[in-house]
Amino acid sequence: MSPSEWFAGLRKIDIRALDTRNIGSWPTTIKVLVACLVMILVLASGYSVSIVELEEQLALKRQEESTLKDQFAGKSRMAANPDLYIEQLKDMSNAFDALLRQLPGDAEVPGLLEDITRTGLNSGLAFEEIKLLPEVTQAFYIELPIQITVTGAYHDLARFVSGVAGLPRIVTLHDFDLVPVGAEGGQVLRLSILAKTYRYIDQGQQP
């Protein structure tokens, strides 16, 4: 059958007369046309799926290429200026050592308590409580909580808080609770506060 005869036969067919429940009874021309359409749809679907997968793989490879280029550029800079990076490493190590020196050791904790007490007395406050709480071990350091309760005027309390924050040892302040002393209130206030200092755990002390 020539293409012209095939198209002529296709024009003579009434599509509305086709029985969709009995495809086998369709004319050969229609069956060939439907088969071609199905084949085209299958090929198009497979092509689109494969293209999507290839595009995703390409995007991943481009991301990997960008990461590798950044790593190569960084290593190239380090290789070109080794003295500069060695100096920066020394500076970082010195800064880290300086921070460690601000963390009290076990023998220095009583001295830290004395510094906090002296700061409060110099601010004109009266101590009701100052005591060490159980240590809290974190991944790389140990928290040393100190519960402090003092009474005094508002400005004296503010001067005390500022003085504790300015101690040479690292001390952070948490859980502020400020209430008047006595039922009727007045200028005297009671401040309860949780101070925390920290001790570094070196690798030899880690369990």
N, C-alpha and C. Protein backbone atom coordinates (compact mmCIF):
# COMPACT_ATOMS: atom_id res chain seq x y z
N MET A 1 0.87 -1.19 0.00
CA MET A 1 0.00 0.00 0.00
C MET A 1 0.90 1.24 0.00
N SER A 2 0.64 2.11 -0.99
CA SER A 2 1.44 3.33 -1.07
C SER A 2 0.93 4.34 -0.04
N PRO A 3 1.74 5.32 0.32
CA PRO A 3 1.29 6.34 1.28
C PRO A 3 0.04 7.05 0.84
N SER A 4 -0.09 7.32 -0.49
CA SER A 4 -1.29 8.03 -0.95
C SER A 4 -2.54 7.18 -0.77
N GLU A 5 -2.40 5.86 -1.04
CA GLU A 5 -3.55 4.98 -0.83
C GLU A 5 -3.88 4.87 0.65
N TRP A 6 -2.82 4.90 1.49
CA TRP A 6 -3.05 4.79 2.95
C TRP A 6 -3.80 6.00 3.47
N PHE A 7 -3.43 7.19 3.01
CA PHE A 7 -4.13 8.41 3.43
C PHE A 7 -5.54 8.47 2.87
N ALA A 8 -5.69 7.96 1.65
CA ALA A 8 -7.03 7.94 1.06
C ALA A 8 -7.95 7.03 1.85
N GLY A 9 -7.43 5.85 2.25
CA GLY A 9 -8.22 4.94 3.06
C GLY A 9 -8.54 5.52 4.43
N LEU A 10 -7.60 6.30 4.98
CA LEU A 10 -7.81 6.91 6.29
C LEU A 10 -8.93 7.94 6.24
N ARG A 11 -9.04 8.70 5.11
CA ARG A 11 -10.08 9.72 4.99
C ARG A 11 -11.46 9.10 4.87
N LYS A 12 -11.53 7.89 4.34
CA LYS A 12 -12.84 7.24 4.16
C LYS A 12 -13.40 6.65 5.45
N ILE A 13 -12.56 6.54 6.47
CA ILE A 13 -13.00 5.88 7.71
C ILE A 13 -13.75 6.88 8.58
N ASP A 14 -14.89 6.45 9.10
CA ASP A 14 -15.67 7.26 10.05
C ASP A 14 -15.21 6.91 11.46
N ILE A 15 -14.52 7.83 12.11
CA ILE A 15 -13.98 7.58 13.45
C ILE A 15 -15.08 7.25 14.45
N ARG A 16 -16.25 7.88 14.29
CA ARG A 16 -17.35 7.67 15.23
C ARG A 16 -17.91 6.26 15.15
N ALA A 17 -17.65 5.60 14.04
CA ALA A 17 -18.19 4.25 13.86
C ALA A 17 -17.29 3.17 14.45
N LEU A 18 -16.13 3.53 14.93
CA LEU A 18 -15.20 2.55 15.48
C LEU A 18 -15.68 2.04 16.84
N ASP A 19 -15.59 0.76 17.05
CA ASP A 19 -16.00 0.13 18.31
C ASP A 19 -14.78 0.07 19.24
N THR A 20 -14.79 0.91 20.26
CA THR A 20 -13.64 0.97 21.17
C THR A 20 -13.52 -0.30 22.01
N ARG A 21 -14.59 -1.10 22.12
CA ARG A 21 -14.54 -2.34 22.89
C ARG A 21 -13.99 -3.51 22.07
N ASN A 22 -13.83 -3.30 20.78
CA ASN A 22 -13.34 -4.37 19.91
C ASN A 22 -12.33 -3.75 18.93
N ILE A 23 -11.13 -3.50 19.45
CA ILE A 23 -10.10 -2.84 18.65
C ILE A 23 -9.67 -3.73 17.48
N GLY A 24 -9.78 -5.04 17.69
CA GLY A 24 -9.37 -5.96 16.63
C GLY A 24 -10.19 -5.82 15.36
N SER A 25 -11.38 -5.27 15.47
CA SER A 25 -12.23 -5.11 14.29
C SER A 25 -11.94 -3.82 13.53
N TRP A 26 -11.03 -3.01 14.05
CA TRP A 26 -10.73 -1.74 13.38
C TRP A 26 -10.01 -2.01 12.06
N PRO A 27 -10.13 -1.11 11.14
CA PRO A 27 -9.40 -1.25 9.88
C PRO A 27 -7.89 -1.21 10.14
N THR A 28 -7.17 -1.87 9.23
CA THR A 28 -5.71 -1.94 9.37
C THR A 28 -5.09 -0.54 9.40
N THR A 29 -5.64 0.36 8.61
CA THR A 29 -5.10 1.72 8.55
C THR A 29 -5.14 2.39 9.93
N ILE A 30 -6.28 2.24 10.62
CA ILE A 30 -6.43 2.86 11.94
C ILE A 30 -5.52 2.18 12.95
N LYS A 31 -5.42 0.85 12.88
CA LYS A 31 -4.57 0.14 13.83
C LYS A 31 -3.11 0.54 13.67
N VAL A 32 -2.69 0.72 12.43
CA VAL A 32 -1.30 1.17 12.19
C VAL A 32 -1.10 2.57 12.76
N LEU A 33 -2.09 3.45 12.54
CA LEU A 33 -1.98 4.82 13.03
C LEU A 33 -1.91 4.85 14.56
N VAL A 34 -2.79 4.08 15.23
CA VAL A 34 -2.79 4.04 16.69
C VAL A 34 -1.48 3.47 17.21
N ALA A 35 -0.97 2.43 16.57
CA ALA A 35 0.29 1.83 16.99
C ALA A 35 1.43 2.84 16.88
N CYS A 36 1.42 3.62 15.81
CA CYS A 36 2.45 4.65 15.64
C CYS A 36 2.35 5.71 16.73
N LEU A 37 1.10 6.12 17.02
CA LEU A 37 0.92 7.13 18.06
C LEU A 37 1.39 6.62 19.42
N VAL A 38 1.03 5.37 19.74
CA VAL A 38 1.46 4.79 21.03
C VAL A 38 2.97 4.71 21.09
N MET A 39 3.60 4.30 19.98
CA MET A 39 5.05 4.19 19.96
C MET A 39 5.70 5.57 20.16
N ILE A 40 5.12 6.57 19.52
CA ILE A 40 5.67 7.94 19.67
C ILE A 40 5.54 8.42 21.11
N LEU A 41 4.38 8.13 21.75
CA LEU A 41 4.19 8.54 23.14
C LEU A 41 5.17 7.84 24.07
N VAL A 42 5.38 6.54 23.84
CA VAL A 42 6.32 5.79 24.68
C VAL A 42 7.74 6.33 24.52
N LEU A 43 8.13 6.58 23.28
CA LEU A 43 9.47 7.11 23.04
C LEU A 43 9.64 8.50 23.65
N ALA A 44 8.59 9.33 23.53
CA ALA A 44 8.67 10.69 24.07
C ALA A 44 8.76 10.65 25.60
N SER A 45 7.96 9.75 26.23
CA SER A 45 8.01 9.64 27.69
C SER A 45 9.38 9.17 28.15
N GLY A 46 9.89 8.13 27.49
CA GLY A 46 11.20 7.62 27.86
C GLY A 46 12.29 8.65 27.66
N TYR A 47 12.17 9.41 26.59
CA TYR A 47 13.18 10.44 26.32
C TYR A 47 13.15 11.53 27.38
N SER A 48 11.92 11.96 27.75
CA SER A 48 11.81 13.03 28.74
C SER A 48 12.35 12.57 30.10
N VAL A 49 12.04 11.32 30.48
CA VAL A 49 12.53 10.79 31.75
C VAL A 49 14.05 10.71 31.75
N SER A 50 14.60 10.21 30.68
CA SER A 50 16.06 10.08 30.61
C SER A 50 16.72 11.45 30.61
N ILE A 51 16.09 12.43 29.94
CA ILE A 51 16.65 13.78 29.93
C ILE A 51 16.64 14.39 31.33
N VAL A 52 15.55 14.19 32.08
CA VAL A 52 15.47 14.71 33.45
C VAL A 52 16.57 14.11 34.32
N GLU A 53 16.76 12.79 34.21
CA GLU A 53 17.79 12.13 34.99
C GLU A 53 19.18 12.65 34.61
N LEU A 54 19.40 12.82 33.31
CA LEU A 54 20.70 13.32 32.87
C LEU A 54 20.93 14.76 33.34
N GLU A 55 19.86 15.58 33.35
CA GLU A 55 20.00 16.96 33.83
C GLU A 55 20.33 16.98 35.32
N GLU A 56 19.70 16.09 36.10
CA GLU A 56 20.00 16.03 37.53
C GLU A 56 21.45 15.59 37.76
N GLN A 57 21.90 14.58 36.99
CA GLN A 57 23.28 14.15 37.11
C GLN A 57 24.25 15.26 36.71
N LEU A 58 23.89 16.00 35.67
CA LEU A 58 24.73 17.10 35.22
C LEU A 58 24.83 18.19 36.28
N ALA A 59 23.68 18.50 36.94
CA ALA A 59 23.69 19.52 37.99
C ALA A 59 24.57 19.08 39.15
N LEU A 60 24.51 17.79 39.53
CA LEU A 60 25.36 17.28 40.61
C LEU A 60 26.83 17.37 40.24
N LYS A 61 27.13 16.99 39.00
CA LYS A 61 28.53 17.05 38.56
C LYS A 61 29.03 18.49 38.54
N ARG A 62 28.18 19.44 38.14
CA ARG A 62 28.59 20.84 38.14
C ARG A 62 28.83 21.33 39.55
N GLN A 63 27.97 20.89 40.50
CA GLN A 63 28.17 21.27 41.90
C GLN A 63 29.48 20.68 42.44
N GLU A 64 29.73 19.41 42.10
CA GLU A 64 30.98 18.79 42.53
C GLU A 64 32.18 19.52 41.92
N GLU A 65 32.03 19.90 40.66
CA GLU A 65 33.12 20.62 40.00
C GLU A 65 33.40 21.96 40.69
N SER A 66 32.33 22.67 41.07
CA SER A 66 32.50 23.95 41.76
C SER A 66 33.18 23.76 43.11
N THR A 67 32.77 22.71 43.84
CA THR A 67 33.39 22.43 45.14
C THR A 67 34.86 22.09 44.98
N LEU A 68 35.17 21.26 44.00
CA LEU A 68 36.56 20.88 43.77
C LEU A 68 37.41 22.08 43.35
N LYS A 69 36.82 22.97 42.55
CA LYS A 69 37.55 24.17 42.15
C LYS A 69 37.86 25.05 43.36
N ASP A 70 36.87 25.20 44.27
CA ASP A 70 37.09 26.00 45.48
C ASP A 70 38.18 25.37 46.33
N GLN A 71 38.12 24.03 46.50
CA GLN A 71 39.14 23.35 47.28
C GLN A 71 40.52 23.51 46.64
N PHE A 72 40.57 23.39 45.33
CA PHE A 72 41.84 23.53 44.64
C PHE A 72 42.39 24.94 44.78
N ALA A 73 41.48 25.95 44.67
CA ALA A 73 41.93 27.34 44.80
C ALA A 73 42.47 27.60 46.20
N GLY A 74 41.76 27.07 47.22
CA GLY A 74 42.22 27.25 48.59
C GLY A 74 43.57 26.60 48.83
N LYS A 75 43.74 25.38 48.33
CA LYS A 75 45.02 24.69 48.51
C LYS A 75 46.13 25.36 47.72
N SER A 76 45.78 25.93 46.56
CA SER A 76 46.77 26.64 45.78
C SER A 76 47.26 27.88 46.51
N ARG A 77 46.32 28.61 47.14
CA ARG A 77 46.72 29.79 47.91
C ARG A 77 47.61 29.40 49.08
N MET A 78 47.24 28.30 49.75
CA MET A 78 48.06 27.84 50.87
C MET A 78 49.45 27.42 50.40
N ALA A 79 49.50 26.73 49.25
CA ALA A 79 50.80 26.29 48.74
C ALA A 79 51.65 27.47 48.30
N ALA A 80 51.00 28.52 47.80
CA ALA A 80 51.75 29.69 47.34
C ALA A 80 52.23 30.57 48.49
N ASN A 81 51.51 30.54 49.63
CA ASN A 81 51.87 31.38 50.78
C ASN A 81 51.91 30.56 52.06
N PRO A 82 52.77 29.57 52.15
CA PRO A 82 52.78 28.73 53.36
C PRO A 82 53.17 29.50 54.62
N ASP A 83 54.08 30.45 54.48
CA ASP A 83 54.52 31.22 55.65
C ASP A 83 53.37 32.04 56.23
N LEU A 84 52.54 32.59 55.35
CA LEU A 84 51.39 33.39 55.81
C LEU A 84 50.43 32.54 56.62
N TYR A 85 50.13 31.34 56.13
CA TYR A 85 49.18 30.47 56.83
C TYR A 85 49.78 29.91 58.13
N ILE A 86 51.07 29.67 58.12
CA ILE A 86 51.71 29.23 59.37
C ILE A 86 51.63 30.33 60.41
N GLU A 87 51.83 31.58 59.98
CA GLU A 87 51.74 32.71 60.91
C GLU A 87 50.31 32.87 61.44
N GLN A 88 49.32 32.71 60.55
CA GLN A 88 47.92 32.79 60.98
C GLN A 88 47.59 31.68 61.97
N LEU A 89 48.12 30.49 61.72
CA LEU A 89 47.88 29.37 62.64
C LEU A 89 48.48 29.66 64.01
N LYS A 90 49.67 30.27 64.03
CA LYS A 90 50.28 30.64 65.31
C LYS A 90 49.43 31.68 66.03
N ASP A 91 48.92 32.67 65.28
CA ASP A 91 48.08 33.70 65.90
C ASP A 91 46.81 33.08 66.49
N MET A 92 46.20 32.15 65.75
CA MET A 92 44.99 31.49 66.26
C MET A 92 45.31 30.67 67.51
N SER A 93 46.45 30.00 67.49
CA SER A 93 46.85 29.20 68.66
C SER A 93 47.09 30.10 69.87
N ASN A 94 47.75 31.26 69.65
CA ASN A 94 47.99 32.19 70.76
C ASN A 94 46.67 32.75 71.30
N ALA A 95 45.74 33.08 70.39
CA ALA A 95 44.44 33.60 70.84
C ALA A 95 43.69 32.54 71.64
N PHE A 96 43.77 31.29 71.18
CA PHE A 96 43.10 30.20 71.90
C PHE A 96 43.72 30.01 73.29
N ASP A 97 45.04 30.08 73.37
CA ASP A 97 45.71 29.96 74.67
C ASP A 97 45.31 31.09 75.60
N ALA A 98 45.15 32.30 75.03
CA ALA A 98 44.75 33.44 75.85
C ALA A 98 43.35 33.24 76.41
N LEU A 99 42.46 32.67 75.61
CA LEU A 99 41.10 32.38 76.10
C LEU A 99 41.14 31.30 77.18
N LEU A 100 41.98 30.30 76.97
CA LEU A 100 42.07 29.24 77.99
C LEU A 100 42.57 29.78 79.32
N ARG A 101 43.46 30.77 79.26
CA ARG A 101 43.97 31.35 80.51
C ARG A 101 42.88 32.10 81.27
N GLN A 102 41.78 32.47 80.56
CA GLN A 102 40.67 33.14 81.23
C GLN A 102 39.71 32.15 81.89
N LEU A 103 39.93 30.86 81.67
CA LEU A 103 39.10 29.84 82.30
C LEU A 103 39.80 29.37 83.57
N PRO A 104 39.14 29.45 84.72
CA PRO A 104 39.81 29.09 85.97
C PRO A 104 40.02 27.59 86.09
N GLY A 105 41.14 27.22 86.71
CA GLY A 105 41.36 25.82 87.08
C GLY A 105 40.71 25.54 88.43
N ASP A 106 40.75 24.30 88.85
CA ASP A 106 40.14 23.94 90.13
C ASP A 106 40.70 24.77 91.27
N ALA A 107 42.01 25.02 91.25
CA ALA A 107 42.63 25.75 92.36
C ALA A 107 42.27 27.23 92.35
N GLU A 108 41.77 27.74 91.22
CA GLU A 108 41.48 29.17 91.11
C GLU A 108 40.03 29.51 91.44
N VAL A 109 39.17 28.52 91.59
CA VAL A 109 37.76 28.80 91.86
C VAL A 109 37.56 29.55 93.18
N PRO A 110 38.22 29.15 94.28
CA PRO A 110 38.06 29.96 95.51
C PRO A 110 38.46 31.41 95.32
N GLY A 111 39.52 31.66 94.53
CA GLY A 111 39.92 33.04 94.25
C GLY A 111 38.86 33.77 93.46
N LEU A 112 38.19 33.08 92.54
CA LEU A 112 37.12 33.69 91.76
C LEU A 112 35.95 34.06 92.68
N LEU A 113 35.62 33.18 93.62
CA LEU A 113 34.55 33.50 94.58
C LEU A 113 34.91 34.72 95.40
N GLU A 114 36.18 34.83 95.79
CA GLU A 114 36.63 36.01 96.54
C GLU A 114 36.50 37.26 95.69
N ASP A 115 36.84 37.16 94.41
CA ASP A 115 36.71 38.34 93.53
C ASP A 115 35.26 38.77 93.41
N ILE A 116 34.34 37.80 93.27
CA ILE A 116 32.91 38.14 93.17
C ILE A 116 32.43 38.77 94.47
N THR A 117 32.85 38.20 95.60
CA THR A 117 32.44 38.75 96.89
C THR A 117 32.99 40.16 97.07
N ARG A 118 34.25 40.36 96.73
CA ARG A 118 34.85 41.69 96.86
C ARG A 118 34.14 42.71 95.98
N THR A 119 33.78 42.28 94.76
CA THR A 119 33.07 43.19 93.86
C THR A 119 31.73 43.60 94.43
N GLY A 120 31.02 42.64 95.05
CA GLY A 120 29.73 42.97 95.65
C GLY A 120 29.86 43.90 96.84
N LEU A 121 30.84 43.63 97.72
CA LEU A 121 31.03 44.48 98.90
C LEU A 121 31.46 45.88 98.50
N ASN A 122 32.34 45.98 97.49
CA ASN A 122 32.76 47.30 97.02
C ASN A 122 31.62 48.07 96.37
N SER A 123 30.61 47.35 95.89
CA SER A 123 29.43 48.01 95.31
C SER A 123 28.39 48.37 96.37
N GLY A 124 28.69 48.06 97.64
CA GLY A 124 27.77 48.41 98.73
C GLY A 124 26.63 47.43 98.92
N LEU A 125 26.83 46.16 98.50
CA LEU A 125 25.78 45.16 98.61
C LEU A 125 26.01 44.26 99.81
N ALA A 126 24.93 43.61 100.25
CA ALA A 126 25.01 42.61 101.32
C ALA A 126 24.71 41.25 100.70
N PHE A 127 25.57 40.27 101.01
CA PHE A 127 25.40 38.92 100.46
C PHE A 127 24.50 38.09 101.37
N GLU A 128 23.48 37.50 100.76
CA GLU A 128 22.66 36.52 101.46
C GLU A 128 23.12 35.10 101.14
N GLU A 129 23.67 34.92 99.93
CA GLU A 129 24.09 33.57 99.52
C GLU A 129 25.09 33.68 98.38
N ILE A 130 26.13 32.86 98.46
CA ILE A 130 27.03 32.64 97.33
C ILE A 130 27.59 31.24 97.49
N LYS A 131 27.22 30.36 96.59
CA LYS A 131 27.63 28.97 96.74
C LYS A 131 27.82 28.32 95.38
N LEU A 132 28.73 27.37 95.34
CA LEU A 132 28.98 26.60 94.13
C LEU A 132 27.91 25.52 93.98
N LEU A 133 27.39 25.37 92.77
CA LEU A 133 26.44 24.31 92.46
C LEU A 133 27.19 23.17 91.76
N PRO A 134 26.56 22.00 91.64
CA PRO A 134 27.25 20.89 90.96
C PRO A 134 27.69 21.25 89.55
N GLU A 135 28.85 20.75 89.17
CA GLU A 135 29.39 21.01 87.85
C GLU A 135 28.53 20.36 86.77
N VAL A 136 28.54 20.96 85.59
CA VAL A 136 27.80 20.42 84.43
C VAL A 136 28.82 20.19 83.32
N THR A 137 29.00 18.94 82.95
CA THR A 137 30.00 18.59 81.93
C THR A 137 29.38 18.66 80.54
N GLN A 138 30.00 19.46 79.68
CA GLN A 138 29.60 19.55 78.28
C GLN A 138 30.63 18.82 77.42
N ALA A 139 30.54 18.98 76.11
CA ALA A 139 31.40 18.21 75.21
C ALA A 139 32.88 18.55 75.39
N PHE A 140 33.21 19.86 75.46
CA PHE A 140 34.60 20.27 75.50
C PHE A 140 34.94 21.12 76.72
N TYR A 141 33.97 21.35 77.60
CA TYR A 141 34.24 22.18 78.76
C TYR A 141 33.31 21.77 79.90
N ILE A 142 33.61 22.30 81.08
CA ILE A 142 32.80 22.03 82.27
C ILE A 142 32.24 23.35 82.77
N GLU A 143 30.94 23.41 82.99
CA GLU A 143 30.31 24.60 83.57
C GLU A 143 30.44 24.54 85.08
N LEU A 144 30.80 25.68 85.67
CA LEU A 144 30.88 25.79 87.13
C LEU A 144 29.84 26.82 87.57
N PRO A 145 28.60 26.41 87.90
CA PRO A 145 27.55 27.36 88.27
C PRO A 145 27.77 27.88 89.71
N ILE A 146 27.46 29.15 89.90
CA ILE A 146 27.57 29.78 91.21
C ILE A 146 26.27 30.54 91.47
N GLN A 147 25.54 30.16 92.51
CA GLN A 147 24.29 30.83 92.86
C GLN A 147 24.61 32.00 93.77
N ILE A 148 24.13 33.18 93.40
CA ILE A 148 24.43 34.40 94.15
C ILE A 148 23.11 35.11 94.48
N THR A 149 22.98 35.52 95.74
CA THR A 149 21.84 36.33 96.15
C THR A 149 22.39 37.50 96.97
N VAL A 150 22.08 38.73 96.53
CA VAL A 150 22.58 39.94 97.20
C VAL A 150 21.42 40.93 97.33
N THR A 151 21.57 41.87 98.27
CA THR A 151 20.58 42.92 98.45
C THR A 151 21.28 44.27 98.42
N GLY A 152 20.54 45.29 97.93
CA GLY A 152 21.09 46.63 97.86
C GLY A 152 20.24 47.51 96.97
N ALA A 153 20.73 48.72 96.75
CA ALA A 153 20.02 49.65 95.89
C ALA A 153 20.19 49.27 94.43
N TYR A 154 19.30 49.78 93.60
CA TYR A 154 19.29 49.40 92.19
C TYR A 154 20.62 49.72 91.50
N HIS A 155 21.12 50.94 91.69
CA HIS A 155 22.36 51.34 91.02
C HIS A 155 23.54 50.53 91.54
N ASP A 156 23.52 50.17 92.85
CA ASP A 156 24.61 49.34 93.39
C ASP A 156 24.57 47.95 92.77
N LEU A 157 23.36 47.42 92.56
CA LEU A 157 23.23 46.11 91.91
C LEU A 157 23.74 46.16 90.47
N ALA A 158 23.43 47.25 89.77
CA ALA A 158 23.90 47.39 88.40
C ALA A 158 25.42 47.48 88.35
N ARG A 159 26.01 48.19 89.33
CA ARG A 159 27.47 48.29 89.38
C ARG A 159 28.10 46.93 89.68
N PHE A 160 27.44 46.13 90.51
CA PHE A 160 27.94 44.79 90.83
C PHE A 160 27.92 43.90 89.59
N VAL A 161 26.81 43.91 88.86
CA VAL A 161 26.69 43.08 87.65
C VAL A 161 27.76 43.48 86.64
N SER A 162 27.97 44.78 86.48
CA SER A 162 28.99 45.24 85.54
C SER A 162 30.38 44.82 86.00
N GLY A 163 30.62 44.87 87.31
CA GLY A 163 31.93 44.49 87.83
C GLY A 163 32.21 43.01 87.65
N VAL A 164 31.20 42.16 87.87
CA VAL A 164 31.38 40.72 87.69
C VAL A 164 31.64 40.40 86.22
N ALA A 165 30.91 41.05 85.33
CA ALA A 165 31.11 40.82 83.89
C ALA A 165 32.49 41.28 83.44
N GLY A 166 33.10 42.21 84.17
CA GLY A 166 34.41 42.72 83.80
C GLY A 166 35.57 42.02 84.47
N LEU A 167 35.32 40.95 85.22
CA LEU A 167 36.41 40.22 85.86
C LEU A 167 37.34 39.61 84.81
N PRO A 168 38.62 39.45 85.13
CA PRO A 168 39.55 38.89 84.14
C PRO A 168 39.22 37.46 83.75
N ARG A 169 38.53 36.73 84.61
CA ARG A 169 38.09 35.38 84.27
C ARG A 169 36.75 35.44 83.56
N ILE A 170 36.51 34.49 82.65
CA ILE A 170 35.25 34.46 81.91
C ILE A 170 34.13 34.06 82.85
N VAL A 171 33.16 34.96 83.03
CA VAL A 171 31.98 34.70 83.86
C VAL A 171 30.76 35.20 83.10
N THR A 172 29.76 34.34 82.94
CA THR A 172 28.51 34.74 82.31
C THR A 172 27.41 34.73 83.36
N LEU A 173 26.42 35.59 83.18
CA LEU A 173 25.36 35.77 84.17
C LEU A 173 24.02 35.35 83.56
N HIS A 174 23.23 34.61 84.35
CA HIS A 174 21.98 34.04 83.86
C HIS A 174 20.90 34.13 84.94
N ASP A 175 19.64 33.94 84.51
CA ASP A 175 18.49 33.77 85.42
C ASP A 175 18.39 34.89 86.45
N PHE A 176 18.30 36.11 85.98
CA PHE A 176 18.15 37.26 86.88
C PHE A 176 16.76 37.22 87.53
N ASP A 177 16.73 37.51 88.83
CA ASP A 177 15.46 37.62 89.55
C ASP A 177 15.60 38.79 90.52
N LEU A 178 14.89 39.89 90.27
CA LEU A 178 15.02 41.12 91.05
C LEU A 178 13.67 41.43 91.69
N VAL A 179 13.63 41.47 93.03
CA VAL A 179 12.38 41.74 93.76
C VAL A 179 12.68 42.71 94.91
N PRO A 180 11.68 43.47 95.34
CA PRO A 180 11.88 44.34 96.50
C PRO A 180 12.04 43.51 97.77
N VAL A 181 12.79 44.05 98.72
CA VAL A 181 12.93 43.40 100.03
C VAL A 181 11.80 43.89 100.91
N GLY A 182 11.01 42.97 101.47
CA GLY A 182 9.89 43.35 102.32
C GLY A 182 8.61 43.45 101.50
N ALA A 183 7.51 43.29 102.19
CA ALA A 183 6.20 43.28 101.53
C ALA A 183 5.85 44.63 100.95
N GLU A 184 6.28 45.71 101.60
CA GLU A 184 5.91 47.05 101.15
C GLU A 184 6.84 47.59 100.08
N GLY A 185 7.89 46.85 99.75
CA GLY A 185 8.82 47.33 98.74
C GLY A 185 9.76 48.39 99.31
N GLY A 186 10.28 49.21 98.46
CA GLY A 186 11.21 50.24 98.89
C GLY A 186 12.42 50.28 97.98
N GLN A 187 13.48 50.97 98.43
CA GLN A 187 14.66 51.13 97.61
C GLN A 187 15.59 49.93 97.68
N VAL A 188 15.46 49.10 98.70
CA VAL A 188 16.32 47.93 98.83
C VAL A 188 15.73 46.78 98.01
N LEU A 189 16.57 46.20 97.14
CA LEU A 189 16.13 45.13 96.25
C LEU A 189 16.97 43.88 96.50
N ARG A 190 16.36 42.74 96.20
CA ARG A 190 17.08 41.47 96.31
C ARG A 190 17.30 40.93 94.89
N LEU A 191 18.55 40.65 94.58
CA LEU A 191 18.91 40.12 93.27
C LEU A 191 19.41 38.69 93.42
N SER A 192 18.73 37.77 92.76
CA SER A 192 19.20 36.39 92.68
C SER A 192 19.69 36.17 91.26
N ILE A 193 20.86 35.62 91.14
CA ILE A 193 21.47 35.48 89.83
C ILE A 193 22.31 34.21 89.79
N LEU A 194 22.39 33.59 88.64
CA LEU A 194 23.22 32.41 88.45
C LEU A 194 24.42 32.80 87.59
N ALA A 195 25.59 32.78 88.20
CA ALA A 195 26.83 33.05 87.47
C ALA A 195 27.44 31.73 87.02
N LYS A 196 28.01 31.73 85.84
CA LYS A 196 28.66 30.53 85.32
C LYS A 196 30.06 30.87 84.85
N THR A 197 31.03 30.10 85.32
CA THR A 197 32.35 30.14 84.74
C THR A 197 32.64 28.78 84.15
N TYR A 198 33.74 28.64 83.46
CA TYR A 198 33.94 27.44 82.65
C TYR A 198 35.38 26.95 82.79
N ARG A 199 35.52 25.65 82.72
CA ARG A 199 36.84 25.03 82.73
C ARG A 199 36.97 24.14 81.51
N TYR A 200 38.06 24.32 80.79
CA TYR A 200 38.29 23.56 79.55
C TYR A 200 38.70 22.12 79.90
N ILE A 201 38.17 21.19 79.13
CA ILE A 201 38.55 19.77 79.29
C ILE A 201 39.58 19.47 78.22
N ASP A 202 40.82 19.21 78.64
CA ASP A 202 41.79 18.79 77.64
C ASP A 202 41.58 17.32 77.30
N GLN A 203 42.21 16.87 76.23
CA GLN A 203 41.98 15.52 75.73
C GLN A 203 42.36 14.45 76.74
N GLY A 204 43.34 14.74 77.60
CA GLY A 204 43.75 13.76 78.59
C GLY A 204 42.72 13.57 79.68
N GLN A 205 41.83 14.58 79.86
CA GLN A 205 40.79 14.47 80.90
C GLN A 205 39.49 13.89 80.37
N GLN A 206 39.32 13.86 79.05
CA GLN A 206 38.06 13.37 78.51
C GLN A 206 37.95 11.86 78.72
N PRO A 207 36.75 11.39 79.13
CA PRO A 207 36.57 9.95 79.34
C PRO A 207 36.66 9.18 78.05
